[in-house]
């Protein structure tokens, strides 16, 4: 069988026979072939040939006699253990005694088979090959695990983020230097103790262990934010922590890995940004209140002062027409022109006064919205319908102004961009809130698309709503119209009063 093709050599078991008697070697090969073992073999009988065959033939298994004229199985076994310890070696020999057989097995031989009982040889070969393959796979897995562990530690030791390993009992089995620095716990005190020892976190130790157990039980990662009290300066540091399950080579969960990043600067920046936004909104609200008050004052002066002056002027012109118009046609013509001009000026004054602050607001929010819908339809030609519940709606004056201005801005946006034919305004009270909805049947738009830098309509509405502690939702899609929904808590007005 030593003349098989190269393809057979690749697929077959390579057997190195250390045997000086050709007939014994043939009997060994016959026993294996009869048992269906697919193999190619190479027979050698000297130490030099054996050594060369280990490198050139690269056997899968070695079958060795114990006693040879110029070599012996014990020396061959030692050579194999030193040069290719993963290759199994089975002794196929005459009677050597139990004591020597045990010695060979202890030295590394996988089995020994007597030449007068070769029927046992095929099973011994298969078992030795199976054990050797299992050993190779185990060693490969262990090597891969060692390499993986080395890479993990090399990475973890140099990360600025905390890295902690836990076993199934929530005991720490590894902490990196960043953990020691961030939490001020030396590795010697942190390892092999349950999570929660030396605990100064914002989450209680039992709750943290419960999160670890949940991740290890389900395999689903968990994210949490942990604030930690530093003993050095008494300050708090914030960490974003992600916990994932760790699995062994068999795929079963063997523990958990927690990675924590110091986000103290980010949290502080977020707080400062939120505080800045709050201050800006408060400033914007105060500015808007001042503008509203200025509008009220100017509107009142236009209505009262200028309106009275114009009325007096009209009365004077009418008096001149009455006294001299009949005798002087030219005077009547002039007074008629003056009266027409005065009437137009009075109307412009009323329009300006109403645009600044409609006097109808003093009558309540419902009449104000009715006036707004009518004026919008009159100026744009777009049908505008108002839906309100029966009866008067009690609302704080500041909130009424906010609702009116939000509705006014929504209508302005619709007139500019929607190309709508119908608009519906709905205002009602619901579950302790005032609910305003402005709906149009226009072209709509993609709410997720970036806004133009010069577009402030929706921004203004959103800021007005946020200033009242409410919320706004804009729903739209190309070709589907737009709905601006606003919900303002009734308590916002009482809060402002306090």
Protein backbone atom coordinates (compact mmCIF):
# COMPACT_ATOMS: atom_id res chain seq x y z
CA UNK A 1 0.00 0.00 0.00
CA UNK A 2 3.04 2.24 -0.01
CA UNK A 3 2.49 2.89 -3.76
CA UNK A 4 -0.88 4.67 -3.39
CA UNK A 5 -1.45 7.94 -5.27
CA UNK A 6 -0.87 11.39 -3.79
CA UNK A 7 -4.62 11.88 -3.52
CA UNK A 8 -4.89 8.73 -1.44
CA UNK A 9 -2.05 9.99 0.73
CA UNK A 10 -3.98 13.18 1.47
CA UNK A 11 -7.16 11.32 2.33
CA UNK A 12 -5.66 8.27 4.05
CA UNK A 13 -4.10 7.81 7.47
CA UNK A 14 -0.29 7.99 7.30
CA UNK A 15 1.18 5.14 9.33
CA UNK A 16 4.88 4.95 10.13
CA UNK A 17 5.88 1.33 10.85
CA UNK A 18 9.05 0.82 12.94
CA UNK A 19 9.52 -2.88 12.21
CA UNK A 20 12.58 -4.85 11.05
CA UNK A 21 10.71 -8.04 10.03
CA UNK A 22 8.95 -7.60 6.67
CA UNK A 23 6.49 -10.43 7.25
CA UNK A 24 5.38 -8.92 10.57
CA UNK A 25 4.86 -5.58 8.83
CA UNK A 26 2.76 -7.26 6.15
CA UNK A 27 0.62 -8.95 8.81
CA UNK A 28 0.05 -5.60 10.53
CA UNK A 29 -0.98 -3.97 7.23
CA UNK A 30 -3.26 -6.89 6.38
CA UNK A 31 -5.01 -6.67 9.77
CA UNK A 32 -5.66 -2.97 9.25
CA UNK A 33 -6.83 -3.38 5.65
CA UNK A 34 -9.16 -6.23 6.58
CA UNK A 35 -10.75 -3.97 9.25
CA UNK A 36 -11.36 -1.27 6.62
CA UNK A 37 -8.73 1.22 7.78
CA UNK A 38 -7.79 3.48 4.86
CA UNK A 39 -4.07 4.11 5.17
CA UNK A 40 -0.69 4.54 3.52
CA UNK A 41 2.34 3.23 5.29
CA UNK A 42 6.09 3.59 5.43
CA UNK A 43 8.28 0.92 7.05
CA UNK A 44 11.65 1.79 8.63
CA UNK A 45 13.95 -0.26 10.86
CA UNK A 46 16.82 2.06 11.86
CA UNK A 47 17.02 5.10 14.10
CA UNK A 48 18.31 7.27 11.28
CA UNK A 49 15.49 6.29 8.93
CA UNK A 50 12.95 6.74 11.72
CA UNK A 51 14.22 10.23 12.48
CA UNK A 52 14.13 11.21 8.81
CA UNK A 53 10.60 9.81 8.39
CA UNK A 54 9.30 11.93 11.25
CA UNK A 55 10.17 15.04 9.21
CA UNK A 56 9.57 13.84 5.65
CA UNK A 57 6.65 11.41 6.00
CA UNK A 58 4.94 13.30 8.84
CA UNK A 59 2.94 10.32 10.11
CA UNK A 60 -0.52 10.52 11.68
CA UNK A 61 0.29 7.53 13.89
CA UNK A 62 3.35 5.38 14.65
CA UNK A 63 3.22 1.59 15.11
CA UNK A 64 6.47 0.43 16.68
CA UNK A 65 8.05 -2.87 17.59
CA UNK A 66 9.88 -2.82 20.91
CA UNK A 67 13.08 -4.66 20.06
CA UNK A 68 15.03 -4.08 16.83
CA UNK A 69 18.63 -5.00 15.95
CA UNK A 70 20.00 -1.42 15.89
CA UNK A 71 17.16 0.53 17.54
CA UNK A 72 14.38 0.08 20.11
CA UNK A 73 10.84 1.25 20.76
CA UNK A 74 11.69 2.99 24.04
CA UNK A 75 14.22 5.27 22.33
CA UNK A 76 11.80 5.89 19.46
CA UNK A 77 9.09 6.87 21.96
CA UNK A 78 11.43 9.37 23.60
CA UNK A 79 12.28 10.82 20.18
CA UNK A 80 8.57 11.18 19.32
CA UNK A 81 7.80 12.85 22.67
CA UNK A 82 10.50 15.40 22.02
CA UNK A 83 9.86 16.17 18.36
CA UNK A 84 6.15 15.54 17.66
CA UNK A 85 4.37 14.86 20.96
CA UNK A 86 0.94 15.16 19.34
CA UNK A 87 1.56 12.10 17.16
CA UNK A 88 0.21 8.96 18.87
CA UNK A 89 2.42 5.88 19.15
CA UNK A 90 1.16 2.33 19.63
CA UNK A 91 3.56 -0.49 20.52
CA UNK A 92 3.03 -3.62 18.38
CA UNK A 93 5.41 -6.19 19.79
CA UNK A 94 5.91 -9.62 21.19
CA UNK A 95 5.49 -10.39 24.86
CA UNK A 96 7.34 -7.76 26.91
CA UNK A 97 5.83 -8.28 30.31
CA UNK A 98 3.30 -6.21 32.19
CA UNK A 99 5.86 -4.16 34.04
CA UNK A 100 7.55 -2.96 30.87
CA UNK A 101 4.17 -2.35 29.15
CA UNK A 102 3.07 -0.14 32.02
CA UNK A 103 6.38 1.72 31.81
CA UNK A 104 5.82 2.40 28.08
CA UNK A 105 2.27 3.64 28.68
CA UNK A 106 3.49 5.99 31.40
CA UNK A 107 6.20 7.24 29.04
CA UNK A 108 3.60 8.29 26.48
CA UNK A 109 2.61 5.26 24.38
CA UNK A 110 -1.12 5.28 23.65
CA UNK A 111 -1.48 1.48 23.71
CA UNK A 112 0.35 -1.77 23.09
CA UNK A 113 -0.83 -4.73 21.05
CA UNK A 114 0.71 -8.17 20.99
CA UNK A 115 1.74 -9.47 17.57
CA UNK A 116 -0.06 -12.73 18.23
CA UNK A 117 -3.31 -10.84 18.85
CA UNK A 118 -3.51 -8.35 15.95
CA UNK A 119 -7.30 -8.53 15.88
CA UNK A 120 -7.19 -5.79 18.51
CA UNK A 121 -4.94 -3.53 16.43
CA UNK A 122 -7.57 -1.71 14.26
CA UNK A 123 -9.61 -0.59 17.28
CA UNK A 124 -6.41 0.48 19.07
CA UNK A 125 -5.36 2.54 16.02
CA UNK A 126 -8.78 4.17 15.69
CA UNK A 127 -8.91 4.95 19.41
CA UNK A 128 -5.39 6.40 19.41
CA UNK A 129 -6.18 8.57 16.38
CA UNK A 130 -9.44 9.75 17.95
CA UNK A 131 -7.69 10.59 21.22
CA UNK A 132 -4.92 12.39 19.36
CA UNK A 133 -7.45 14.43 17.36
CA UNK A 134 -9.35 15.29 20.53
CA UNK A 135 -6.08 16.33 22.15
CA UNK A 136 -5.15 18.47 19.13
CA UNK A 137 -8.52 20.18 19.14
CA UNK A 138 -8.33 20.78 22.89
CA UNK A 139 -4.81 22.16 22.63
CA UNK A 140 -5.83 24.36 19.66
CA UNK A 141 -8.78 25.67 21.65
CA UNK A 142 -6.57 26.30 24.67
CA UNK A 143 -4.01 28.06 22.50
CA UNK A 144 -6.71 30.19 20.87
CA UNK A 145 -8.07 30.96 24.34
CA UNK A 146 -4.60 31.95 25.58
CA UNK A 147 -4.05 34.16 22.53
CA UNK A 148 -7.49 35.70 22.95
CA UNK A 149 -6.81 36.31 26.64
CA UNK A 150 -3.46 37.92 25.84
CA UNK A 151 -5.08 40.19 23.25
CA UNK A 152 -7.88 41.05 25.68
CA UNK A 153 -5.48 41.94 28.46
CA UNK A 154 -3.19 43.86 26.12
CA UNK A 155 -6.17 45.93 24.99
CA UNK A 156 -7.82 46.26 28.39
CA UNK A 157 -4.61 47.25 30.18
CA UNK A 158 -4.18 50.22 27.86
CA UNK A 159 -7.78 51.38 27.57
CA UNK A 160 -8.83 54.64 29.27
CA UNK A 161 -12.21 52.98 29.96
CA UNK A 162 -12.87 50.72 32.93
CA UNK A 163 -13.00 47.00 32.13
CA UNK A 164 -14.31 44.53 34.72
CA UNK A 165 -14.96 40.80 34.43
CA UNK A 166 -17.45 38.96 36.65
CA UNK A 167 -18.04 35.26 37.17
CA UNK A 168 -21.50 33.71 37.50
CA UNK A 169 -21.54 34.60 41.21
CA UNK A 170 -20.94 38.30 40.39
CA UNK A 171 -17.41 38.17 41.76
CA UNK A 172 -14.81 40.31 40.03
CA UNK A 173 -12.21 38.16 38.26
CA UNK A 174 -10.38 40.95 36.43
CA UNK A 175 -10.11 44.73 36.66
CA UNK A 176 -7.90 46.91 34.48
CA UNK A 177 -5.79 49.87 35.67
CA UNK A 178 -8.49 52.35 34.62
CA UNK A 179 -10.87 50.70 37.11
CA UNK A 180 -8.37 51.18 39.91
CA UNK A 181 -7.89 54.83 38.98
CA UNK A 182 -11.53 55.73 38.41
CA UNK A 183 -13.05 53.97 41.44
CA UNK A 184 -10.01 54.22 43.75
CA UNK A 185 -10.11 50.49 44.52
CA UNK A 186 -6.79 48.57 44.24
CA UNK A 187 -6.94 45.36 42.19
CA UNK A 188 -5.90 43.33 45.21
CA UNK A 189 -9.00 44.46 47.10
CA UNK A 190 -11.34 44.33 44.09
CA UNK A 191 -10.69 40.80 42.83
CA UNK A 192 -12.49 37.64 43.92
CA UNK A 193 -15.07 39.64 45.89
CA UNK A 194 -18.69 40.28 44.96
CA UNK A 195 -19.65 43.43 43.07
CA UNK A 196 -20.73 45.90 45.71
CA UNK A 197 -17.70 45.62 47.95
CA UNK A 198 -16.23 49.09 48.63
CA UNK A 199 -19.40 50.45 46.96
CA UNK A 200 -20.00 54.19 46.63
CA UNK A 201 -22.28 54.21 43.58
CA UNK A 202 -25.59 55.97 42.93
CA UNK A 203 -27.15 52.58 42.14
CA UNK A 204 -27.40 50.30 45.17
CA UNK A 205 -25.07 47.29 45.23
CA UNK A 206 -27.96 44.75 45.23
CA UNK A 207 -29.54 46.49 42.22
CA UNK A 208 -26.23 46.44 40.36
CA UNK A 209 -25.77 42.74 41.05
CA UNK A 210 -29.34 42.15 39.90
CA UNK A 211 -28.51 43.81 36.57
CA UNK A 212 -25.44 41.59 36.23
CA UNK A 213 -27.51 38.46 36.90
CA UNK A 214 -30.16 39.57 34.44
CA UNK A 215 -27.56 39.98 31.67
CA UNK A 216 -26.00 36.60 32.46
CA UNK A 217 -29.42 34.93 32.56
CA UNK A 218 -30.76 36.41 29.31
CA UNK A 219 -27.62 37.23 27.30
CA UNK A 220 -29.13 40.64 26.52
CA UNK A 221 -26.72 43.58 27.03
CA UNK A 222 -27.64 46.32 29.51
CA UNK A 223 -26.71 50.01 29.60
CA UNK A 224 -26.76 52.15 32.72
CA UNK A 225 -25.33 55.37 34.10
CA UNK A 226 -23.51 55.19 37.43
CA UNK A 227 -22.45 58.14 39.56
CA UNK A 228 -19.54 57.38 41.90
CA UNK A 229 -18.41 59.25 44.99
CA UNK A 230 -14.66 59.85 44.93
CA UNK A 231 -13.06 59.68 48.35
CA UNK A 232 -10.11 61.84 47.30
CA UNK A 233 -12.07 65.06 46.80
CA UNK A 234 -15.66 64.14 47.68
CA UNK A 235 -16.78 64.86 44.13
CA UNK A 236 -19.05 62.76 41.95
CA UNK A 237 -17.91 61.18 38.69
CA UNK A 238 -20.35 59.79 36.14
CA UNK A 239 -19.81 56.65 34.10
CA UNK A 240 -21.72 55.17 31.18
CA UNK A 241 -21.55 51.40 31.70
CA UNK A 242 -22.39 48.64 29.24
CA UNK A 243 -22.72 45.08 30.54
CA UNK A 244 -22.51 42.12 28.15
CA UNK A 245 -22.54 38.38 28.72
CA UNK A 246 -19.26 36.49 28.20
CA UNK A 247 -19.42 33.04 26.63
CA UNK A 248 -16.97 30.16 26.77
CA UNK A 249 -15.76 28.04 23.82
CA UNK A 250 -18.87 25.87 24.19
CA UNK A 251 -21.13 28.91 23.72
CA UNK A 252 -22.47 28.84 27.28
CA UNK A 253 -22.44 32.01 29.36
CA UNK A 254 -19.58 31.95 31.84
CA UNK A 255 -19.80 35.47 33.26
CA UNK A 256 -20.22 39.12 32.38
CA UNK A 257 -18.02 41.92 31.09
CA UNK A 258 -18.64 45.53 32.13
CA UNK A 259 -17.07 48.46 30.29
CA UNK A 260 -17.39 51.91 31.84
CA UNK A 261 -16.50 55.27 30.33
CA UNK A 262 -16.06 58.45 32.35
CA UNK A 263 -18.71 60.87 31.05
CA UNK A 264 -18.45 63.45 33.82
CA UNK A 265 -17.40 66.21 31.43
CA UNK A 266 -20.18 65.24 29.03
CA UNK A 267 -22.80 65.23 31.79
CA UNK A 268 -21.57 68.59 33.07
CA UNK A 269 -21.65 70.03 29.54
CA UNK A 270 -25.17 68.64 29.11
CA UNK A 271 -26.29 70.24 32.37
CA UNK A 272 -24.75 73.55 31.37
CA UNK A 273 -26.38 73.35 27.95
CA UNK A 274 -29.77 72.55 29.48
CA UNK A 275 -29.36 75.37 31.98
CA UNK A 276 -28.42 77.71 29.14
CA UNK A 277 -31.47 76.61 27.16
CA UNK A 278 -33.68 77.15 30.19
CA UNK A 279 -32.26 80.62 30.68
CA UNK A 280 -32.66 81.44 26.99
CA UNK A 281 -36.27 80.26 27.05
CA UNK A 282 -36.95 82.29 30.17
CA UNK A 283 -35.34 85.30 28.50
CA UNK A 284 -37.33 84.70 25.33
CA UNK A 285 -40.53 84.35 27.35
CA UNK A 286 -39.81 87.57 29.23
CA UNK A 287 -38.98 89.33 25.98
CA UNK A 288 -42.20 88.04 24.41
CA UNK A 289 -44.19 89.17 27.44
CA UNK A 290 -42.59 92.63 27.14
CA UNK A 291 -43.37 92.72 23.41
CA UNK A 292 -46.95 91.69 24.10
CA UNK A 293 -47.30 94.41 26.70
CA UNK A 294 -45.80 96.95 24.27
CA UNK A 295 -48.23 95.81 21.59
CA UNK A 296 -51.09 96.23 24.03
CA UNK A 297 -49.93 99.77 24.91
CA UNK A 298 -49.39 100.84 21.29
CA UNK A 299 -52.71 99.31 20.22
CA UNK A 300 -54.48 101.13 23.04
CA UNK A 301 -52.85 104.43 22.11
CA UNK A 302 -53.73 103.95 18.46
CA UNK A 303 -57.28 103.10 19.35
CA UNK A 304 -57.82 105.67 22.06
CA UNK A 305 -55.52 108.61 21.32
CA UNK A 306 -55.09 108.55 17.56
CA UNK A 307 -58.59 107.19 17.10
CA UNK A 308 -60.06 110.12 19.08
CA UNK A 309 -57.95 112.62 17.15
CA UNK A 310 -59.10 111.18 13.84
CA UNK A 311 -62.72 111.19 15.01
CA UNK A 312 -62.39 114.84 16.04
CA UNK A 313 -60.81 115.64 12.67
CA UNK A 314 -63.68 113.95 10.86
CA UNK A 315 -66.20 115.86 12.95
CA UNK A 316 -64.43 119.14 12.08
CA UNK A 317 -64.40 118.39 8.36
CA UNK A 318 -68.07 117.41 8.51
CA UNK A 319 -68.86 120.68 10.28
CA UNK A 320 -67.11 122.70 7.56
CA UNK A 321 -69.06 120.80 4.93
CA UNK A 322 -72.30 121.46 6.81
CA UNK A 323 -71.66 125.20 7.20
CA UNK A 324 -70.21 126.04 3.82
CA UNK A 325 -70.84 123.15 1.51
CA UNK A 326 -74.19 124.30 0.22
CA UNK A 327 -72.88 127.75 -0.79
CA UNK A 328 -69.41 126.60 -1.97
CA UNK A 329 -69.43 123.48 -4.20
CA UNK A 330 -65.66 123.52 -4.31
CA UNK A 331 -65.51 123.29 -0.52
CA UNK A 332 -67.95 120.38 -0.56
CA UNK A 333 -65.77 118.53 -3.05
CA UNK A 334 -62.68 119.11 -0.92
CA UNK A 335 -64.39 118.06 2.29
CA UNK A 336 -65.67 114.90 0.62
CA UNK A 337 -62.10 113.97 -0.32
CA UNK A 338 -60.91 114.78 3.19
CA UNK A 339 -63.68 112.71 4.77
CA UNK A 340 -62.80 109.75 2.55
CA UNK A 341 -59.12 110.09 3.49
CA UNK A 342 -59.97 110.33 7.19
CA UNK A 343 -62.20 107.25 6.98
CA UNK A 344 -59.41 105.27 5.31
CA UNK A 345 -56.94 106.45 7.94
CA UNK A 346 -59.34 105.39 10.70
CA UNK A 347 -59.66 101.94 9.10
CA UNK A 348 -55.87 101.60 8.75
CA UNK A 349 -55.50 102.60 12.39
CA UNK A 350 -58.01 99.96 13.42
CA UNK A 351 -56.26 97.31 11.30
CA UNK A 352 -52.84 98.17 12.76
CA UNK A 353 -54.26 98.18 16.27
CA UNK A 354 -55.91 94.78 15.69
CA UNK A 355 -52.74 93.28 14.20
CA UNK A 356 -50.75 94.45 17.20
CA UNK A 357 -53.26 93.07 19.68
CA UNK A 358 -56.86 92.34 18.77
CA UNK A 359 -59.21 93.96 21.22
CA UNK A 360 -61.37 90.86 20.94
CA UNK A 361 -58.78 89.05 23.08
CA UNK A 362 -60.21 90.88 26.05
CA UNK A 363 -63.50 89.07 25.39
CA UNK A 364 -61.95 85.59 25.72
CA UNK A 365 -60.00 83.04 23.72
CA UNK A 366 -62.97 81.68 21.76
CA UNK A 367 -64.06 85.07 20.33
CA UNK A 368 -60.40 85.81 19.58
CA UNK A 369 -60.00 82.57 17.60
CA UNK A 370 -63.29 83.24 15.78
CA UNK A 371 -62.02 86.69 14.79
CA UNK A 372 -58.67 85.19 13.73
CA UNK A 373 -60.33 82.58 11.49
CA UNK A 374 -62.59 85.18 9.86
CA UNK A 375 -59.75 87.64 9.28
CA UNK A 376 -57.55 84.91 7.83
CA UNK A 377 -60.24 83.81 5.39
CA UNK A 378 -60.96 87.42 4.41
CA UNK A 379 -57.31 88.22 3.66
CA UNK A 380 -56.21 84.90 2.03
CA UNK A 381 -59.38 83.47 0.53
CA UNK A 382 -58.62 80.12 2.23
CA UNK A 383 -61.60 78.53 3.97
CA UNK A 384 -60.86 78.41 7.72
CA UNK A 385 -63.18 76.53 10.10
CA UNK A 386 -63.09 76.80 13.90
CA UNK A 387 -64.27 73.98 16.17
CA UNK A 388 -64.67 74.77 19.87
CA UNK A 389 -66.88 73.26 22.59
CA UNK A 390 -70.11 74.91 23.66
CA UNK A 391 -69.77 77.45 26.43
CA UNK A 392 -66.93 79.68 27.57
CA UNK A 393 -63.45 78.22 28.14
CA UNK A 394 -61.78 79.57 31.26
CA UNK A 395 -58.13 80.29 30.57
CA UNK A 396 -55.41 82.46 32.06
CA UNK A 397 -54.76 85.66 30.09
CA UNK A 398 -51.10 84.82 29.39
CA UNK A 399 -52.01 81.34 28.20
CA UNK A 400 -54.82 82.77 26.06
CA UNK A 401 -52.32 85.08 24.36
CA UNK A 402 -49.91 82.14 23.86
CA UNK A 403 -52.67 79.99 22.30
CA UNK A 404 -53.77 82.87 20.07
CA UNK A 405 -50.23 83.60 18.87
CA UNK A 406 -49.52 79.88 18.23
CA UNK A 407 -52.70 79.61 16.15
CA UNK A 408 -51.81 82.84 14.35
CA UNK A 409 -48.29 81.62 13.53
CA UNK A 410 -49.63 78.25 12.35
CA UNK A 411 -52.05 79.98 9.99
CA UNK A 412 -49.26 82.23 8.71
CA UNK A 413 -47.10 79.17 7.96
CA UNK A 414 -49.99 77.48 6.18
CA UNK A 415 -50.66 80.56 4.05
CA UNK A 416 -46.99 80.83 3.07
CA UNK A 417 -46.12 77.20 2.39
CA UNK A 418 -49.06 74.79 2.46
CA UNK A 419 -51.01 75.82 -0.68
CA UNK A 420 -54.06 74.61 1.21
CA UNK A 421 -57.70 75.00 0.28
CA UNK A 422 -59.11 74.31 3.74
CA UNK A 423 -57.82 74.79 7.27
CA UNK A 424 -59.44 73.57 10.46
CA UNK A 425 -58.70 74.98 13.94
CA UNK A 426 -59.74 72.90 16.95
CA UNK A 427 -59.48 74.13 20.53
CA UNK A 428 -60.69 72.25 23.61
CA UNK A 429 -59.91 71.20 27.16
CA UNK A 430 -58.80 67.64 27.81
CA UNK A 431 -57.44 65.93 30.93
CA UNK A 432 -56.14 69.08 32.60
CA UNK A 433 -54.70 70.54 29.42
CA UNK A 434 -55.64 72.99 26.69
CA UNK A 435 -55.42 71.27 23.29
CA UNK A 436 -55.00 73.26 20.08
CA UNK A 437 -54.84 71.67 16.64
CA UNK A 438 -54.36 73.42 13.31
CA UNK A 439 -54.88 71.09 10.35
CA UNK A 440 -54.58 71.87 6.63
CA UNK A 441 -55.04 69.89 3.41
CA UNK A 442 -51.97 71.37 1.71
CA UNK A 443 -48.92 69.89 0.07
CA UNK A 444 -47.27 68.77 3.33
CA UNK A 445 -43.55 68.24 3.84
CA UNK A 446 -41.00 65.76 5.16
CA UNK A 447 -40.69 66.48 8.89
CA UNK A 448 -37.36 64.59 9.05
CA UNK A 449 -35.73 66.74 6.36
CA UNK A 450 -33.29 69.44 7.55
CA UNK A 451 -34.95 72.83 8.03
CA UNK A 452 -33.81 75.89 6.16
CA UNK A 453 -31.61 78.18 8.23
CA UNK A 454 -33.97 81.06 7.48
CA UNK A 455 -37.11 79.12 8.49
CA UNK A 456 -38.23 79.98 12.01
CA UNK A 457 -42.00 79.44 11.89
CA UNK A 458 -42.09 76.03 13.57
CA UNK A 459 -39.17 77.01 15.81
CA UNK A 460 -41.16 79.99 17.10
CA UNK A 461 -44.21 77.80 17.74
CA UNK A 462 -42.11 75.21 19.57
CA UNK A 463 -40.44 77.83 21.76
CA UNK A 464 -43.79 79.41 22.66
CA UNK A 465 -45.14 76.00 23.66
CA UNK A 466 -42.04 75.05 25.67
CA UNK A 467 -42.24 78.36 27.50
CA UNK A 468 -45.66 77.28 28.82
CA UNK A 469 -44.42 73.83 29.82
CA UNK A 470 -46.41 72.22 27.02
CA UNK A 471 -45.57 69.99 24.10
CA UNK A 472 -46.01 70.29 20.34
CA UNK A 473 -46.20 67.58 17.69
CA UNK A 474 -45.99 68.37 13.98
CA UNK A 475 -47.29 65.61 11.69
CA UNK A 476 -46.88 65.85 7.95
CA UNK A 477 -45.81 64.04 4.80
CA UNK A 478 -45.49 65.14 1.19
CA UNK A 479 -48.98 65.34 -0.33
CA UNK A 480 -50.76 64.61 2.96
CA UNK A 481 -51.21 68.04 4.56
CA UNK A 482 -49.91 69.16 7.93
CA UNK A 483 -51.21 68.94 11.49
CA UNK A 484 -49.78 71.11 14.28
CA UNK A 485 -50.88 69.67 17.64
CA UNK A 486 -50.27 71.57 20.86
CA UNK A 487 -51.00 70.53 24.45
CA UNK A 488 -50.54 73.08 27.25
CA UNK A 489 -51.14 72.14 30.90
CA UNK A 490 -53.78 74.27 32.63
CA UNK A 491 -51.48 74.48 35.65
CA UNK A 492 -49.02 76.55 33.60
CA UNK A 493 -51.19 79.65 34.06
CA UNK A 494 -51.47 79.15 37.82
CA UNK A 495 -47.72 78.60 38.01
CA UNK A 496 -47.10 81.92 36.27
CA UNK A 497 -49.41 83.67 38.71
CA UNK A 498 -47.51 82.24 41.67
